[in-house]
Amino acid sequence: MQVATATAPTSSRPAPRASGFVCDCLEVTECALLETLSKAHVRTLRDVRRAIGAGDGCTACHDLLRRYLEAAR
């Protein structure tokens, strides 16, 4: 008997945190971040911080935000 195993779809995009936010301090959603990253002038963490504020709190999300930036390139 074969057992089917579920696998997550392969994607270069990171997953948001369990809270659903990519930045918990400022409650920035993945949707808001992806919309922001689709704009040509947003290419660095500093750009993201200026555009939507994500990463301006405790900075714990900086690694995650950098992964989204890298995936958007």
C-alpha atoms as a PDB file:
ATOM      1  CA  MET A   1       0.000   0.000   0.000  1.00  0.00           C
ATOM      2  CA  GLN A   2       1.338   3.437  -0.923  1.00  0.00           C
ATOM      3  CA  VAL A   3       1.100   6.247   1.551  1.00  0.00           C
ATOM      4  CA  ALA A   4       0.641   9.706   0.136  1.00  0.00           C
ATOM      5  CA  THR A   5       2.650  12.375   1.809  1.00  0.00           C
ATOM      6  CA  ALA A   6       1.750  16.002   1.664  1.00  0.00           C
ATOM      7  CA  THR A   7       4.507  18.349   0.754  1.00  0.00           C
ATOM      8  CA  ALA A   8       4.435  22.075   0.822  1.00  0.00           C
ATOM      9  CA  PRO A   9       4.542  23.731  -2.567  1.00  0.00           C
ATOM     10  CA  THR A  10       8.002  24.822  -3.532  1.00  0.00           C
ATOM     11  CA  SER A  11       8.286  28.569  -3.454  1.00  0.00           C
ATOM     12  CA  SER A  12      11.130  31.001  -3.288  1.00  0.00           C
ATOM     13  CA  ARG A  13       9.003  33.255  -1.089  1.00  0.00           C
ATOM     14  CA  PRO A  14       9.496  32.876   2.683  1.00  0.00           C
ATOM     15  CA  ALA A  15       6.529  32.174   4.913  1.00  0.00           C
ATOM     16  CA  PRO A  16       5.140  34.786   7.293  1.00  0.00           C
ATOM     17  CA  ARG A  17       5.334  34.148  11.013  1.00  0.00           C
ATOM     18  CA  ALA A  18       2.668  32.177  12.877  1.00  0.00           C
ATOM     19  CA  SER A  19       1.023  35.479  13.773  1.00  0.00           C
ATOM     20  CA  GLY A  20       0.424  36.132  10.080  1.00  0.00           C
ATOM     21  CA  PHE A  21       2.560  39.235  10.223  1.00  0.00           C
ATOM     22  CA  VAL A  22       6.000  39.685   8.709  1.00  0.00           C
ATOM     23  CA  CYS A  23       6.603  42.427  11.298  1.00  0.00           C
ATOM     24  CA  ASP A  24       4.887  41.758  14.617  1.00  0.00           C
ATOM     25  CA  CYS A  25       5.696  45.105  16.246  1.00  0.00           C
ATOM     26  CA  LEU A  26       3.970  47.155  13.577  1.00  0.00           C
ATOM     27  CA  GLU A  27       1.551  44.410  12.467  1.00  0.00           C
ATOM     28  CA  VAL A  28       2.655  44.511   8.824  1.00  0.00           C
ATOM     29  CA  THR A  29       1.094  41.682   6.824  1.00  0.00           C
ATOM     30  CA  GLU A  30       2.710  39.623   4.114  1.00  0.00           C
ATOM     31  CA  CYS A  31       0.189  41.075   1.651  1.00  0.00           C
ATOM     32  CA  ALA A  32       1.249  44.641   2.479  1.00  0.00           C
ATOM     33  CA  LEU A  33       4.912  43.691   2.166  1.00  0.00           C
ATOM     34  CA  LEU A  34       4.451  41.954  -1.199  1.00  0.00           C
ATOM     35  CA  GLU A  35       2.547  44.940  -2.557  1.00  0.00           C
ATOM     36  CA  THR A  36       5.350  47.210  -1.393  1.00  0.00           C
ATOM     37  CA  LEU A  37       8.038  44.972  -2.911  1.00  0.00           C
ATOM     38  CA  SER A  38       6.284  45.112  -6.274  1.00  0.00           C
ATOM     39  CA  LYS A  39       7.165  48.789  -6.537  1.00  0.00           C
ATOM     40  CA  ALA A  40      10.356  49.532  -8.430  1.00  0.00           C
ATOM     41  CA  HIS A  41      11.787  51.906  -5.838  1.00  0.00           C
ATOM     42  CA  VAL A  42      11.678  49.364  -2.971  1.00  0.00           C
ATOM     43  CA  ARG A  43      14.829  47.244  -3.121  1.00  0.00           C
ATOM     44  CA  THR A  44      16.476  47.445   0.328  1.00  0.00           C
ATOM     45  CA  LEU A  45      15.504  46.972   3.942  1.00  0.00           C
ATOM     46  CA  ARG A  46      15.773  50.728   4.374  1.00  0.00           C
ATOM     47  CA  ASP A  47      13.316  51.189   1.489  1.00  0.00           C
ATOM     48  CA  VAL A  48      10.854  48.798   3.153  1.00  0.00           C
ATOM     49  CA  ARG A  49      11.184  50.611   6.467  1.00  0.00           C
ATOM     50  CA  ARG A  50      10.523  53.955   4.819  1.00  0.00           C
ATOM     51  CA  ALA A  51       7.608  52.690   2.720  1.00  0.00           C
ATOM     52  CA  ILE A  52       5.567  50.723   5.291  1.00  0.00           C
ATOM     53  CA  GLY A  53       7.490  50.885   8.556  1.00  0.00           C
ATOM     54  CA  ALA A  54       8.184  47.155   8.772  1.00  0.00           C
ATOM     55  CA  GLY A  55      11.422  46.617  10.665  1.00  0.00           C
ATOM     56  CA  ASP A  56      11.335  49.889  12.579  1.00  0.00           C
ATOM     57  CA  GLY A  57      10.399  48.278  15.900  1.00  0.00           C
ATOM     58  CA  CYS A  58      12.506  45.663  17.653  1.00  0.00           C
ATOM     59  CA  THR A  59      14.298  44.622  14.400  1.00  0.00           C
ATOM     60  CA  ALA A  60      13.591  40.913  14.992  1.00  0.00           C
ATOM     61  CA  CYS A  61      11.979  40.714  11.534  1.00  0.00           C
ATOM     62  CA  HIS A  62      15.001  42.007   9.612  1.00  0.00           C
ATOM     63  CA  ASP A  63      16.194  38.532   8.560  1.00  0.00           C
ATOM     64  CA  LEU A  64      12.711  37.625   7.328  1.00  0.00           C
ATOM     65  CA  LEU A  65      12.345  40.924   5.484  1.00  0.00           C
ATOM     66  CA  ARG A  66      15.734  40.377   3.830  1.00  0.00           C
ATOM     67  CA  ARG A  67      14.590  36.940   2.637  1.00  0.00           C
ATOM     68  CA  TYR A  68      11.498  38.527   1.063  1.00  0.00           C
ATOM     69  CA  LEU A  69      13.700  41.161  -0.568  1.00  0.00           C
ATOM     70  CA  GLU A  70      16.000  38.483  -1.980  1.00  0.00           C
ATOM     71  CA  ALA A  71      13.032  36.459  -3.302  1.00  0.00           C
ATOM     72  CA  ALA A  72      11.627  39.561  -4.983  1.00  0.00           C
ATOM     73  CA  ARG A  73      14.793  40.114  -7.053  1.00  0.00           C
END
